[in-house]
Amino acid sequence: MSEAQQCNDGGGVSVSGQEAEGDGEPPHGIPLPSQYGAEESVREVMGQEEEVPPAAKQQRLDNDGMAINCEVTLTPACLQEEGGHQNHASPLSIHTECGLPCDLERVAGGEGEAGGGEIEVDLQPNGAEEEGTPEAVEDHGNEQNGGDSAECTPREEEEEQQQQQPQYLGLDFNQNPQMLTGSWAEYTNSPENYLKGCKWAPDGSCVMSNSADNVLRVYNLPPELYSNNWDLLTEMTPVLRMAEGDTIYDYCWYPKMSSLDPDTCFIASSSRDNPVHIWDAFYGDLRATFRPYNHLDELTAAHSLCFSPDGDQLYCGFDKMVRIFYTDRPGRDCEERPTNVKKQGQGGIISCMAFSPCKSLYACGSYSRSVGVYACQDGELLALLPSRHRGGITHLLFAPNGHHLYTGGRKDKEILCWDLRDPGRVLFSVNRSVNTNQRIYFDLDPSGRYLLSGDTDGMVSVWDTLTAPTDGQEEVLQPQLQFQVHRDCANGMSVHPFMPLLVTSSGQRHFKWPGQGESDSGSDSDEDSAMMSSDGAALPQDNALTIWWAGPLGSVAEGGNGAEPTSEGPLTA
């Protein structure tokens, strides 16, 4: 494997772009090799001892340097810092008994100040406090950041462990989730402004959407969710709009983003014929650019983006190449890591990337239907997984344990779960309806138990990965739950980092049949005419962003109306 190279500084800049298929990317040939002969290397990496995540609690200092005893809870992405946020709401607190958001109680800050202090949350029925995410609650047991826990008796420790079971944030898929609110009018201003995905912010305070008008929109979590008065929920409107100049290839949040620290609130995006842009997700301004150039010293666009877990580096996918920019050094200086050298390795355009949450490695998917696993330190190819997908890879995702990798392709109904401790082995697969080149996202809940994905029929399927066979026999898992979320293609799916909330997006490009665009009235405008299928039936069009409650439903029926959007968009009781 060749060593990492450095980009050379060149002269003039000329712009060149590539016409895309589906999401704007041209198809490439299919490589033949199924393994790269590095199974021992990836086994060695996967066998490393996992590090225990730090507790989400720390002391803060006031202006006089005195320590403030305030706890930071429910922030799995990063430790919350001091400071306010102009646009984004703060994390939610949860009623233990009903599982619903309750009013926030701010400490160590002035009354009425947005983000003036940290948030103290009562998570346990008896008022006991626990730190970290739901997973941290399960893993830490009776571990506390203080000296009091060392004095607990075994009986007290057992009772405390029973109280710390994560019952208040769990997803409940024994019944269909209920829709809370969404955004529809925002995507009806221009014809065929369908959505192309959505992603929760790492701190859970807001959600970002991508649409066909090449605008990234940021929505705050509705403030009505802070109380039980869910009858007051109205249609959401974006607080920020960031317009790109052409088709957006990919976008991602800064992994350590916290709404309480404006300096960490930014988004990376890449679009055709444009450099990589860094947007301020606090004010909506363009903060910086990263300019990748090809071997002809021409500006080239990245087809995929992914921050390293520490946020210090931005990985960008190109044709047979990954370029790495350092977030503290905007410009054109980067590190180059070819994925294919002398026809050996992973070919095609790198269409998606993901980092292991607990191992020093990352995975790359390409439109040549291949998936490669690489070492973070030097980019060495550890394994090239067999080509099992029928279409180019459009999305991949690591499980929280770091051992399992989920991959999905375009016009491919399968989502495959790979065991990276035995490269090339598929643990199980799940089926969904994917009849388009469009990228159909899927996601895991924070525990890694539930796998969720939409499809081209507007359905969301939920699979329980704990039901997968353990005897080494590959099986097709059947969904535990399926429910209708949209009347059109459900292309976006994102699970809230610590709340039982889901966000979905819908829409796709509709093509008219020959002669359908001609109007009998002779009108020049066909914007209001419905798309028709070959048999004359009207094709459903549903361009919307919706938020769903996937927790206990008993109190939702009392506090919320379980509204659903009509064809015109507004909520109805």
Protein backbone atom coordinates (compact mmCIF):
# COMPACT_ATOMS: atom_id res chain seq x y z
CA MET A 1 0.00 0.00 0.00
CA SER A 2 1.45 3.39 -0.94
CA GLU A 3 2.17 5.95 1.71
CA ALA A 4 0.12 9.07 2.20
CA GLN A 5 0.98 11.88 -0.17
CA GLN A 6 0.72 15.63 0.27
CA CYS A 7 -1.08 17.89 -2.18
CA ASN A 8 1.24 20.24 -4.05
CA ASP A 9 0.43 23.90 -4.29
CA GLY A 10 -0.31 24.84 -7.87
CA GLY A 11 -1.19 27.73 -10.11
CA GLY A 12 -4.46 28.84 -11.67
CA VAL A 13 -7.86 27.34 -10.99
CA SER A 14 -10.33 26.06 -13.54
CA VAL A 15 -13.64 24.49 -12.67
CA SER A 16 -14.75 21.10 -13.88
CA GLY A 17 -17.66 19.00 -12.71
CA GLN A 18 -19.14 15.62 -13.48
CA GLU A 19 -22.72 14.98 -14.36
CA ALA A 20 -24.28 12.61 -11.88
CA GLU A 21 -26.68 9.76 -11.92
CA GLY A 22 -29.20 9.59 -9.07
CA ASP A 23 -27.45 11.75 -6.47
CA GLY A 24 -25.14 13.39 -8.97
CA GLU A 25 -22.48 10.70 -9.23
CA PRO A 26 -21.56 8.79 -12.39
CA PRO A 27 -21.49 4.99 -12.21
CA HIS A 28 -18.18 3.18 -12.38
CA GLY A 29 -16.98 -0.26 -13.25
CA ILE A 30 -17.15 -3.16 -10.86
CA PRO A 31 -13.82 -4.47 -9.47
CA LEU A 32 -13.29 -8.18 -9.29
CA PRO A 33 -11.22 -8.76 -6.13
CA SER A 34 -13.24 -9.76 -3.08
CA GLN A 35 -10.48 -9.74 -0.49
CA TYR A 36 -7.27 -7.82 -0.12
CA GLY A 37 -5.49 -10.41 1.97
CA ALA A 38 -5.50 -8.40 5.19
CA GLU A 39 -7.91 -10.31 7.42
CA GLU A 40 -5.33 -10.70 10.18
CA SER A 41 -4.74 -6.95 10.27
CA VAL A 42 -8.39 -6.07 10.71
CA ARG A 43 -8.83 -8.85 13.28
CA GLU A 44 -5.91 -7.38 15.21
CA VAL A 45 -7.44 -3.91 15.12
CA MET A 46 -10.89 -5.18 16.06
CA GLY A 47 -9.41 -7.13 18.96
CA GLN A 48 -8.01 -4.07 20.69
CA GLU A 49 -9.33 -3.32 24.13
CA GLU A 50 -12.19 -0.85 24.02
CA GLU A 51 -11.84 2.41 25.87
CA VAL A 52 -14.41 3.40 28.45
CA PRO A 53 -16.16 6.63 27.36
CA PRO A 54 -15.68 9.55 29.75
CA ALA A 55 -18.50 10.47 32.08
CA ALA A 56 -20.63 13.38 30.89
CA LYS A 57 -20.03 15.51 33.99
CA GLN A 58 -17.46 18.10 34.86
CA GLN A 59 -16.98 21.06 37.15
CA ARG A 60 -17.46 24.55 35.81
CA LEU A 61 -15.94 27.76 37.11
CA ASP A 62 -17.71 31.04 37.63
CA ASN A 63 -16.19 34.45 36.92
CA ASP A 64 -14.32 34.40 40.22
CA GLY A 65 -12.78 31.00 39.57
CA MET A 66 -15.02 29.18 42.05
CA ALA A 67 -16.34 25.76 41.17
CA ILE A 68 -20.04 25.47 40.35
CA ASN A 69 -21.70 22.21 41.28
CA CYS A 70 -23.95 21.65 38.29
CA GLU A 71 -24.46 18.50 36.31
CA VAL A 72 -24.57 18.03 32.59
CA THR A 73 -26.84 15.21 31.50
CA LEU A 74 -28.30 13.78 28.34
CA THR A 75 -25.47 15.02 26.09
CA PRO A 76 -23.89 11.99 24.41
CA ALA A 77 -22.12 13.98 21.70
CA CYS A 78 -19.88 16.12 23.87
CA LEU A 79 -19.57 17.88 27.20
CA GLN A 80 -21.70 20.98 27.31
CA GLU A 81 -19.81 24.22 27.63
CA GLU A 82 -20.73 27.59 29.00
CA GLY A 83 -22.45 29.99 26.63
CA GLY A 84 -25.78 30.67 25.03
CA HIS A 85 -27.29 29.81 21.68
CA GLN A 86 -29.24 32.30 19.68
CA ASN A 87 -31.25 29.87 17.59
CA HIS A 88 -31.13 26.37 19.01
CA ALA A 89 -33.09 25.03 21.92
CA SER A 90 -31.49 23.27 24.87
CA PRO A 91 -31.66 19.53 25.56
CA LEU A 92 -34.86 18.19 26.99
CA SER A 93 -35.58 16.75 30.40
CA ILE A 94 -37.88 13.78 30.75
CA HIS A 95 -40.60 12.83 33.18
CA THR A 96 -39.77 9.37 34.43
CA GLU A 97 -43.34 8.27 34.99
CA CYS A 98 -44.85 9.25 31.64
CA GLY A 99 -41.72 9.46 29.49
CA LEU A 100 -42.61 12.96 28.24
CA PRO A 101 -40.54 16.15 28.16
CA CYS A 102 -40.95 18.37 31.19
CA ASP A 103 -40.08 22.00 31.87
CA LEU A 104 -36.36 22.69 32.17
CA GLU A 105 -34.83 23.85 35.39
CA ARG A 106 -31.72 25.93 34.83
CA VAL A 107 -29.10 26.29 37.54
CA ALA A 108 -26.02 28.49 37.89
CA GLY A 109 -27.53 31.03 35.52
CA GLY A 110 -29.86 33.99 35.48
CA GLU A 111 -33.58 33.54 35.01
CA GLY A 112 -34.78 33.86 31.44
CA GLU A 113 -31.32 33.61 29.94
CA ALA A 114 -31.10 31.27 26.95
CA GLY A 115 -28.31 28.88 27.75
CA GLY A 116 -27.13 30.95 30.73
CA GLY A 117 -26.44 27.85 32.80
CA GLU A 118 -26.41 24.12 32.73
CA ILE A 119 -29.49 21.94 32.95
CA GLU A 120 -30.32 19.80 35.93
CA VAL A 121 -32.62 16.92 35.08
CA ASP A 122 -34.53 14.66 37.43
CA LEU A 123 -34.26 11.29 35.75
CA GLN A 124 -35.14 8.88 38.53
CA PRO A 125 -38.47 8.47 40.38
CA ASN A 126 -36.83 9.06 43.76
CA GLY A 127 -34.89 12.11 42.61
CA ALA A 128 -31.56 10.33 42.21
CA GLU A 129 -29.31 11.79 39.54
CA GLU A 130 -27.35 9.86 36.96
CA GLU A 131 -24.85 11.09 34.44
CA GLY A 132 -24.29 10.47 30.78
CA THR A 133 -26.32 8.81 28.11
CA PRO A 134 -28.72 5.88 28.52
CA GLU A 135 -25.89 3.57 27.52
CA ALA A 136 -23.67 5.14 30.15
CA VAL A 137 -26.36 4.48 32.72
CA GLU A 138 -26.36 0.83 31.79
CA ASP A 139 -22.58 0.46 31.65
CA HIS A 140 -21.45 2.51 34.60
CA GLY A 141 -23.66 0.79 37.15
CA ASN A 142 -23.03 2.50 40.48
CA GLU A 143 -19.99 4.44 39.28
CA GLN A 144 -20.10 8.13 40.22
CA ASN A 145 -17.71 11.07 39.93
CA GLY A 146 -17.41 11.60 43.64
CA GLY A 147 -16.28 10.05 46.86
CA ASP A 148 -19.73 9.15 48.17
CA SER A 149 -20.16 6.07 45.98
CA ALA A 150 -17.16 4.39 47.60
CA GLU A 151 -19.02 4.35 50.91
CA CYS A 152 -22.08 2.50 49.55
CA THR A 153 -22.82 -0.89 51.00
CA PRO A 154 -23.42 -3.86 48.63
CA ARG A 155 -27.17 -3.65 49.37
CA GLU A 156 -27.23 0.07 48.51
CA GLU A 157 -25.26 -0.58 45.35
CA GLU A 158 -27.75 -3.24 44.26
CA GLU A 159 -30.71 -0.93 44.89
CA GLU A 160 -28.97 1.89 43.03
CA GLN A 161 -28.32 -0.36 40.04
CA GLN A 162 -32.01 -1.28 39.93
CA GLN A 163 -32.96 2.39 39.97
CA GLN A 164 -30.56 3.15 37.11
CA GLN A 165 -32.22 0.96 34.50
CA PRO A 166 -32.75 3.13 31.37
CA GLN A 167 -36.54 2.97 31.26
CA TYR A 168 -37.13 6.66 30.59
CA LEU A 169 -35.38 7.05 27.23
CA GLY A 170 -36.06 3.71 25.59
CA LEU A 171 -37.72 3.38 22.19
CA ASP A 172 -41.04 1.56 22.21
CA PHE A 173 -41.86 -0.26 18.98
CA ASN A 174 -44.69 -2.37 20.32
CA GLN A 175 -47.00 0.09 18.58
CA ASN A 176 -46.73 2.62 15.79
CA PRO A 177 -44.92 5.90 16.55
CA GLN A 178 -47.08 9.03 16.56
CA MET A 179 -46.35 12.05 14.39
CA LEU A 180 -45.77 15.24 16.39
CA THR A 181 -45.07 17.96 13.84
CA GLY A 182 -43.17 18.65 10.65
CA SER A 183 -42.52 21.05 7.78
CA TRP A 184 -44.38 21.02 4.45
CA ALA A 185 -44.96 24.59 3.23
CA GLU A 186 -41.22 25.19 3.08
CA TYR A 187 -40.90 22.72 0.19
CA THR A 188 -43.84 23.86 -1.93
CA ASN A 189 -42.40 27.20 -3.06
CA SER A 190 -40.73 25.62 -6.09
CA PRO A 191 -41.85 22.66 -8.20
CA GLU A 192 -40.49 19.24 -7.28
CA ASN A 193 -38.57 20.50 -4.28
CA TYR A 194 -38.26 17.03 -2.81
CA LEU A 195 -36.12 16.29 0.23
CA LYS A 196 -32.93 14.26 0.09
CA GLY A 197 -32.26 13.35 3.69
CA CYS A 198 -32.24 14.69 7.26
CA LYS A 199 -29.84 14.45 10.20
CA TRP A 200 -30.16 15.24 13.90
CA ALA A 201 -27.49 17.46 15.42
CA PRO A 202 -25.08 15.61 17.75
CA ASP A 203 -26.52 17.44 20.76
CA GLY A 204 -30.11 16.72 19.69
CA SER A 205 -31.19 20.37 19.78
CA CYS A 206 -31.97 20.73 16.07
CA VAL A 207 -32.26 18.85 12.81
CA MET A 208 -30.88 19.60 9.34
CA SER A 209 -32.51 18.78 6.00
CA ASN A 210 -31.30 18.71 2.39
CA SER A 211 -33.61 19.31 -0.56
CA ALA A 212 -33.61 19.57 -4.33
CA ASP A 213 -33.39 23.39 -4.27
CA ASN A 214 -29.80 22.98 -2.96
CA VAL A 215 -30.58 24.59 0.40
CA LEU A 216 -29.61 23.17 3.79
CA ARG A 217 -32.21 24.06 6.41
CA VAL A 218 -31.85 23.89 10.18
CA TYR A 219 -34.91 23.44 12.41
CA ASN A 220 -35.00 23.87 16.16
CA LEU A 221 -36.65 21.20 18.24
CA PRO A 222 -40.14 22.71 18.88
CA PRO A 223 -40.26 24.50 22.26
CA GLU A 224 -43.72 22.99 22.89
CA LEU A 225 -41.95 19.68 23.47
CA TYR A 226 -40.54 21.15 26.68
CA SER A 227 -43.97 20.80 28.26
CA ASN A 228 -46.87 18.38 28.06
CA ASN A 229 -48.98 20.79 26.00
CA TRP A 230 -48.41 19.02 22.71
CA ASP A 231 -51.76 20.26 21.41
CA LEU A 232 -49.96 23.55 20.72
CA LEU A 233 -47.53 22.00 18.24
CA THR A 234 -47.64 23.77 14.89
CA GLU A 235 -45.82 23.39 11.61
CA MET A 236 -42.08 23.92 11.92
CA THR A 237 -40.20 26.68 10.12
CA PRO A 238 -36.42 26.71 9.61
CA VAL A 239 -34.28 29.09 11.63
CA LEU A 240 -31.36 28.91 9.19
CA ARG A 241 -31.06 28.47 5.42
CA MET A 242 -27.69 27.81 3.78
CA ALA A 243 -27.83 27.85 -0.02
CA GLU A 244 -25.32 25.98 -2.16
CA GLY A 245 -24.69 26.83 -5.79
CA ASP A 246 -25.44 23.41 -7.27
CA THR A 247 -26.48 19.85 -6.43
CA ILE A 248 -25.45 18.96 -2.89
CA TYR A 249 -23.48 15.73 -2.83
CA ASP A 250 -23.08 15.30 0.92
CA TYR A 251 -23.29 17.15 4.24
CA CYS A 252 -22.50 16.39 7.87
CA TRP A 253 -22.48 17.90 11.36
CA TYR A 254 -19.35 18.65 13.33
CA PRO A 255 -19.26 15.69 15.77
CA LYS A 256 -18.59 17.80 18.89
CA MET A 257 -21.32 20.29 18.10
CA SER A 258 -23.02 21.78 21.16
CA SER A 259 -25.60 24.55 20.99
CA LEU A 260 -24.22 25.97 24.24
CA ASP A 261 -20.91 26.68 22.51
CA PRO A 262 -21.34 28.64 19.26
CA ASP A 263 -17.76 27.90 18.19
CA THR A 264 -18.64 24.22 17.77
CA CYS A 265 -21.79 24.79 15.72
CA PHE A 266 -20.92 24.24 12.10
CA ILE A 267 -21.80 22.06 9.14
CA ALA A 268 -19.71 20.77 6.23
CA SER A 269 -21.26 20.46 2.77
CA SER A 270 -20.06 19.61 -0.71
CA SER A 271 -21.78 20.47 -3.99
CA ARG A 272 -21.04 20.04 -7.68
CA ASP A 273 -18.35 22.37 -9.10
CA ASN A 274 -17.76 23.91 -5.66
CA PRO A 275 -15.22 23.50 -2.87
CA VAL A 276 -16.16 22.07 0.50
CA HIS A 277 -18.00 24.72 2.51
CA ILE A 278 -18.06 25.08 6.29
CA TRP A 279 -21.28 26.77 7.41
CA ASP A 280 -21.86 28.44 10.75
CA ALA A 281 -24.85 26.57 12.17
CA PHE A 282 -25.34 29.28 14.78
CA TYR A 283 -25.74 32.27 12.45
CA GLY A 284 -25.89 30.68 8.97
CA ASP A 285 -22.76 32.36 7.60
CA LEU A 286 -20.05 30.76 5.49
CA ARG A 287 -17.15 30.21 7.88
CA ALA A 288 -14.42 28.56 5.74
CA THR A 289 -13.73 26.56 2.59
CA PHE A 290 -11.56 23.57 1.76
CA ARG A 291 -10.43 23.51 -1.88
CA PRO A 292 -9.49 20.11 -3.31
CA TYR A 293 -7.67 19.98 -6.65
CA ASN A 294 -7.11 17.07 -9.01
CA HIS A 295 -3.93 16.06 -10.84
CA LEU A 296 -4.61 18.76 -13.47
CA ASP A 297 -4.77 21.43 -10.77
CA GLU A 298 -8.49 21.82 -11.38
CA LEU A 299 -10.95 22.37 -8.58
CA THR A 300 -12.91 19.17 -7.97
CA ALA A 301 -15.92 18.49 -5.77
CA ALA A 302 -16.00 15.93 -2.97
CA HIS A 303 -18.69 13.26 -3.32
CA SER A 304 -18.76 12.34 0.37
CA LEU A 305 -17.81 13.97 3.67
CA CYS A 306 -17.14 12.69 7.17
CA PHE A 307 -15.49 14.29 10.20
CA SER A 308 -13.11 12.23 12.31
CA PRO A 309 -14.56 11.43 15.74
CA ASP A 310 -12.40 14.07 17.43
CA GLY A 311 -13.41 16.66 14.84
CA ASP A 312 -9.80 17.55 13.96
CA GLN A 313 -9.97 16.19 10.42
CA LEU A 314 -12.45 16.23 7.55
CA TYR A 315 -12.34 13.20 5.24
CA CYS A 316 -13.50 13.79 1.66
CA GLY A 317 -14.25 11.07 -0.88
CA PHE A 318 -13.27 11.33 -4.56
CA ASP A 319 -12.69 8.97 -7.47
CA LYS A 320 -10.29 6.31 -6.09
CA MET A 321 -9.08 8.83 -3.55
CA VAL A 322 -9.67 10.10 -0.01
CA ARG A 323 -8.37 13.56 0.85
CA ILE A 324 -7.99 14.67 4.46
CA PHE A 325 -8.23 18.32 5.50
CA TYR A 326 -7.43 19.64 8.96
CA THR A 327 -10.28 21.70 10.37
CA ASP A 328 -7.95 24.31 11.85
CA ARG A 329 -6.27 24.90 8.46
CA PRO A 330 -8.75 25.93 5.74
CA GLY A 331 -7.45 26.15 2.21
CA ARG A 332 -6.01 23.63 -0.23
CA ASP A 333 -3.42 21.83 1.91
CA CYS A 334 -4.50 18.24 2.43
CA GLU A 335 -3.29 14.68 2.75
CA GLU A 336 -4.02 12.30 -0.11
CA ARG A 337 -4.79 8.61 0.39
CA PRO A 338 -5.39 6.70 -2.85
CA THR A 339 -7.77 3.78 -2.48
CA ASN A 340 -6.64 2.07 -5.69
CA VAL A 341 -2.98 1.70 -6.65
CA LYS A 342 -1.87 -0.25 -9.73
CA LYS A 343 -5.39 -1.66 -10.07
CA GLN A 344 -5.21 -3.05 -6.55
CA GLY A 345 -7.61 -1.94 -3.85
CA GLN A 346 -10.95 -0.19 -3.91
CA GLY A 347 -12.01 1.45 -7.15
CA GLY A 348 -14.79 3.84 -8.08
CA ILE A 349 -16.02 7.04 -6.50
CA ILE A 350 -15.96 7.00 -2.68
CA SER A 351 -19.65 7.68 -2.10
CA CYS A 352 -19.91 7.37 1.71
CA MET A 353 -17.70 7.02 4.77
CA ALA A 354 -18.10 6.19 8.45
CA PHE A 355 -15.80 5.91 11.46
CA SER A 356 -15.80 3.15 14.02
CA PRO A 357 -16.97 4.50 17.39
CA CYS A 358 -14.39 2.55 19.39
CA LYS A 359 -11.66 1.41 16.96
CA SER A 360 -9.05 3.36 15.03
CA LEU A 361 -10.48 2.55 11.61
CA TYR A 362 -12.98 3.83 9.08
CA ALA A 363 -14.98 2.32 6.22
CA CYS A 364 -15.51 3.64 2.71
CA GLY A 365 -18.25 2.65 0.26
CA SER A 366 -18.00 3.29 -3.47
CA TYR A 367 -20.25 3.32 -6.50
CA SER A 368 -18.31 0.30 -7.74
CA ARG A 369 -20.28 -1.72 -5.12
CA SER A 370 -17.20 -2.27 -2.94
CA VAL A 371 -16.63 -1.58 0.78
CA GLY A 372 -13.14 -1.06 2.19
CA VAL A 373 -11.96 -0.89 5.80
CA TYR A 374 -8.94 1.35 6.47
CA ALA A 375 -6.66 2.24 9.37
CA CYS A 376 -7.00 5.83 10.58
CA GLN A 377 -3.29 6.30 11.25
CA ASP A 378 -1.95 5.83 7.72
CA GLY A 379 -4.93 4.85 5.58
CA GLU A 380 -3.76 1.25 5.12
CA LEU A 381 -6.40 -0.98 3.55
CA LEU A 382 -7.19 -3.62 6.16
CA ALA A 383 -9.88 -5.50 4.25
CA LEU A 384 -11.92 -5.23 1.06
CA LEU A 385 -15.32 -6.80 1.64
CA PRO A 386 -16.87 -8.97 -1.08
CA SER A 387 -19.20 -7.32 -3.58
CA ARG A 388 -22.60 -8.49 -2.35
CA HIS A 389 -24.66 -5.45 -3.30
CA ARG A 390 -26.41 -5.09 -6.64
CA GLY A 391 -25.97 -1.33 -6.80
CA GLY A 392 -23.45 1.28 -5.74
CA ILE A 393 -23.04 1.76 -2.00
CA THR A 394 -24.96 4.82 -0.86
CA HIS A 395 -24.86 4.56 2.93
CA LEU A 396 -22.92 2.69 5.61
CA LEU A 397 -23.00 2.80 9.37
CA PHE A 398 -21.05 1.29 12.27
CA ALA A 399 -22.83 -0.29 15.22
CA PRO A 400 -21.97 1.21 18.65
CA ASN A 401 -19.91 -1.88 19.50
CA GLY A 402 -17.61 -1.18 16.54
CA HIS A 403 -17.70 -4.83 15.41
CA HIS A 404 -20.63 -4.64 13.02
CA LEU A 405 -20.90 -2.59 9.84
CA TYR A 406 -24.19 -1.99 8.00
CA THR A 407 -24.16 -1.23 4.27
CA GLY A 408 -26.86 -0.39 1.73
CA GLY A 409 -26.90 0.38 -2.00
CA ARG A 410 -29.05 2.07 -4.61
CA LYS A 411 -31.67 -0.01 -6.38
CA ASP A 412 -30.72 -2.72 -3.89
CA LYS A 413 -33.28 -4.05 -1.41
CA GLU A 414 -30.73 -5.51 1.00
CA ILE A 415 -29.03 -3.96 4.01
CA LEU A 416 -26.14 -6.21 5.02
CA CYS A 417 -24.61 -6.54 8.50
CA TRP A 418 -20.90 -7.44 8.32
CA ASP A 419 -18.86 -8.86 11.18
CA LEU A 420 -15.49 -7.07 10.98
CA ARG A 421 -13.91 -9.55 13.36
CA ASP A 422 -14.22 -12.01 10.49
CA PRO A 423 -13.94 -9.87 7.32
CA GLY A 424 -16.17 -11.08 4.53
CA ARG A 425 -18.74 -12.68 6.82
CA VAL A 426 -22.31 -11.39 6.69
CA LEU A 427 -24.16 -11.90 9.97
CA PHE A 428 -27.62 -11.19 8.58
CA SER A 429 -29.48 -9.11 6.03
CA VAL A 430 -32.75 -7.20 5.96
CA ASN A 431 -34.96 -6.31 2.99
CA ARG A 432 -36.53 -2.99 2.07
CA SER A 433 -38.07 -1.62 -1.11
CA VAL A 434 -35.52 0.51 -3.02
CA ASN A 435 -36.49 1.17 -6.64
CA THR A 436 -34.53 4.35 -7.22
CA ASN A 437 -30.97 5.60 -7.52
CA GLN A 438 -31.71 8.01 -4.71
CA ARG A 439 -29.83 7.59 -1.46
CA ILE A 440 -32.10 5.92 1.12
CA TYR A 441 -30.72 6.48 4.61
CA PHE A 442 -30.99 4.07 7.52
CA ASP A 443 -30.04 4.50 11.17
CA LEU A 444 -29.49 2.68 14.46
CA ASP A 445 -30.78 3.65 17.87
CA PRO A 446 -28.05 4.66 20.38
CA SER A 447 -27.95 1.16 21.86
CA GLY A 448 -27.50 -0.47 18.45
CA ARG A 449 -30.47 -2.77 18.96
CA TYR A 450 -32.96 -1.34 16.47
CA LEU A 451 -32.23 -0.77 12.79
CA LEU A 452 -34.62 1.61 11.02
CA SER A 453 -34.98 2.44 7.33
CA GLY A 454 -37.51 3.99 5.00
CA ASP A 455 -38.23 2.81 1.47
CA THR A 456 -39.60 4.04 -1.84
CA ASP A 457 -43.16 3.17 -0.77
CA GLY A 458 -43.13 5.61 2.17
CA MET A 459 -42.91 2.83 4.76
CA VAL A 460 -40.48 2.66 7.70
CA SER A 461 -39.34 -0.77 8.84
CA VAL A 462 -37.86 -1.53 12.27
CA TRP A 463 -35.68 -4.61 12.82
CA ASP A 464 -34.57 -5.95 16.19
CA THR A 465 -30.93 -6.97 15.67
CA LEU A 466 -30.96 -8.99 18.91
CA THR A 467 -33.08 -11.58 17.12
CA ALA A 468 -30.24 -12.30 14.67
CA PRO A 469 -28.93 -15.89 14.80
CA THR A 470 -25.78 -16.53 16.80
CA ASP A 471 -24.87 -19.88 15.26
CA GLY A 472 -23.07 -18.34 12.30
CA GLN A 473 -25.90 -18.98 9.84
CA GLU A 474 -26.80 -15.97 7.73
CA GLU A 475 -30.52 -15.23 7.78
CA VAL A 476 -32.91 -12.56 6.53
CA LEU A 477 -34.40 -10.77 9.54
CA GLN A 478 -38.09 -9.99 9.44
CA PRO A 479 -39.15 -6.51 10.59
CA GLN A 480 -40.57 -6.18 14.06
CA LEU A 481 -42.69 -3.21 12.97
CA GLN A 482 -43.68 -1.48 9.74
CA PHE A 483 -45.64 1.77 9.60
CA GLN A 484 -46.53 4.34 6.95
CA VAL A 485 -44.79 7.70 7.35
CA HIS A 486 -45.20 9.35 3.92
CA ARG A 487 -47.14 8.96 0.70
CA ASP A 488 -43.92 9.18 -1.31
CA CYS A 489 -40.38 7.84 -1.01
CA ALA A 490 -39.16 7.97 2.62
CA ASN A 491 -35.50 8.70 1.90
CA GLY A 492 -34.38 10.16 5.23
CA MET A 493 -34.28 8.48 8.64
CA SER A 494 -32.48 9.73 11.74
CA VAL A 495 -32.85 8.66 15.38
CA HIS A 496 -32.48 11.28 18.10
CA PRO A 497 -29.23 10.80 20.08
CA PHE A 498 -30.96 10.45 23.46
CA MET A 499 -34.72 11.04 23.08
CA PRO A 500 -37.33 8.60 21.71
CA LEU A 501 -37.78 10.81 18.64
CA LEU A 502 -37.43 10.01 14.94
CA VAL A 503 -37.19 12.41 12.04
CA THR A 504 -38.00 11.37 8.46
CA SER A 505 -37.92 13.12 5.10
CA SER A 506 -39.68 12.26 1.87
CA GLY A 507 -39.86 12.97 -1.84
CA GLN A 508 -38.25 11.98 -5.11
CA ARG A 509 -38.01 13.18 -8.68
CA HIS A 510 -41.12 12.30 -10.72
CA PHE A 511 -40.94 11.98 -14.48
CA LYS A 512 -43.89 12.67 -16.76
CA TRP A 513 -44.84 10.23 -19.45
CA PRO A 514 -44.59 11.42 -23.10
CA GLY A 515 -47.40 13.82 -23.93
CA GLN A 516 -48.38 14.24 -20.30
CA GLY A 517 -46.91 17.73 -20.04
CA GLU A 518 -49.18 19.07 -22.79
CA SER A 519 -52.22 20.81 -21.35
CA ASP A 520 -55.59 20.86 -23.14
CA SER A 521 -56.12 24.44 -22.03
CA GLY A 522 -52.89 25.54 -23.68
CA SER A 523 -51.45 26.85 -20.41
CA ASP A 524 -47.70 27.29 -20.23
CA SER A 525 -47.56 26.28 -16.56
CA ASP A 526 -47.64 22.63 -15.50
CA GLU A 527 -46.60 23.21 -11.89
CA ASP A 528 -50.05 22.39 -10.54
CA SER A 529 -50.59 19.33 -12.72
CA ALA A 530 -50.16 16.01 -10.97
CA MET A 531 -47.70 13.40 -12.18
CA MET A 532 -49.41 10.42 -13.78
CA SER A 533 -48.28 6.81 -13.98
CA SER A 534 -48.45 4.71 -17.15
CA ASP A 535 -51.95 3.48 -16.25
CA GLY A 536 -53.25 7.03 -15.78
CA ALA A 537 -53.24 7.03 -11.97
CA ALA A 538 -51.89 10.10 -10.19
CA LEU A 539 -48.54 9.52 -8.51
CA PRO A 540 -48.45 10.67 -4.88
CA GLN A 541 -46.13 13.56 -4.10
CA ASP A 542 -45.18 14.20 -0.52
CA ASN A 543 -42.24 16.54 0.14
CA ALA A 544 -42.10 16.83 3.92
CA LEU A 545 -39.97 16.67 7.03
CA THR A 546 -41.70 15.04 10.00
CA ILE A 547 -40.87 14.32 13.63
CA TRP A 548 -42.24 11.20 15.32
CA TRP A 549 -42.60 10.18 18.96
CA ALA A 550 -41.40 6.60 19.44
CA GLY A 551 -41.69 6.46 23.23
CA PRO A 552 -44.60 5.49 25.52
CA LEU A 553 -47.86 6.46 23.83
CA GLY A 554 -50.21 6.63 26.82
CA SER A 555 -49.46 10.23 27.63
CA VAL A 556 -49.10 11.23 24.01
CA ALA A 557 -52.79 10.56 23.48
CA GLU A 558 -53.53 12.93 26.36
CA GLY A 559 -50.99 15.65 25.58
CA GLY A 560 -50.72 15.41 21.79
CA ASN A 561 -53.25 14.99 19.05
CA GLY A 562 -51.35 12.39 17.03
CA ALA A 563 -51.93 14.58 14.00
CA GLU A 564 -51.05 13.59 10.49
CA PRO A 565 -50.45 15.78 7.45
CA THR A 566 -53.12 16.14 4.82
CA SER A 567 -52.37 16.43 1.14
CA GLU A 568 -52.26 20.23 1.57
CA GLY A 569 -49.74 19.97 4.38
CA PRO A 570 -51.23 21.40 7.63
CA LEU A 571 -51.82 19.23 10.65
CA THR A 572 -55.27 17.90 11.33
CA ALA A 573 -56.65 16.52 14.55
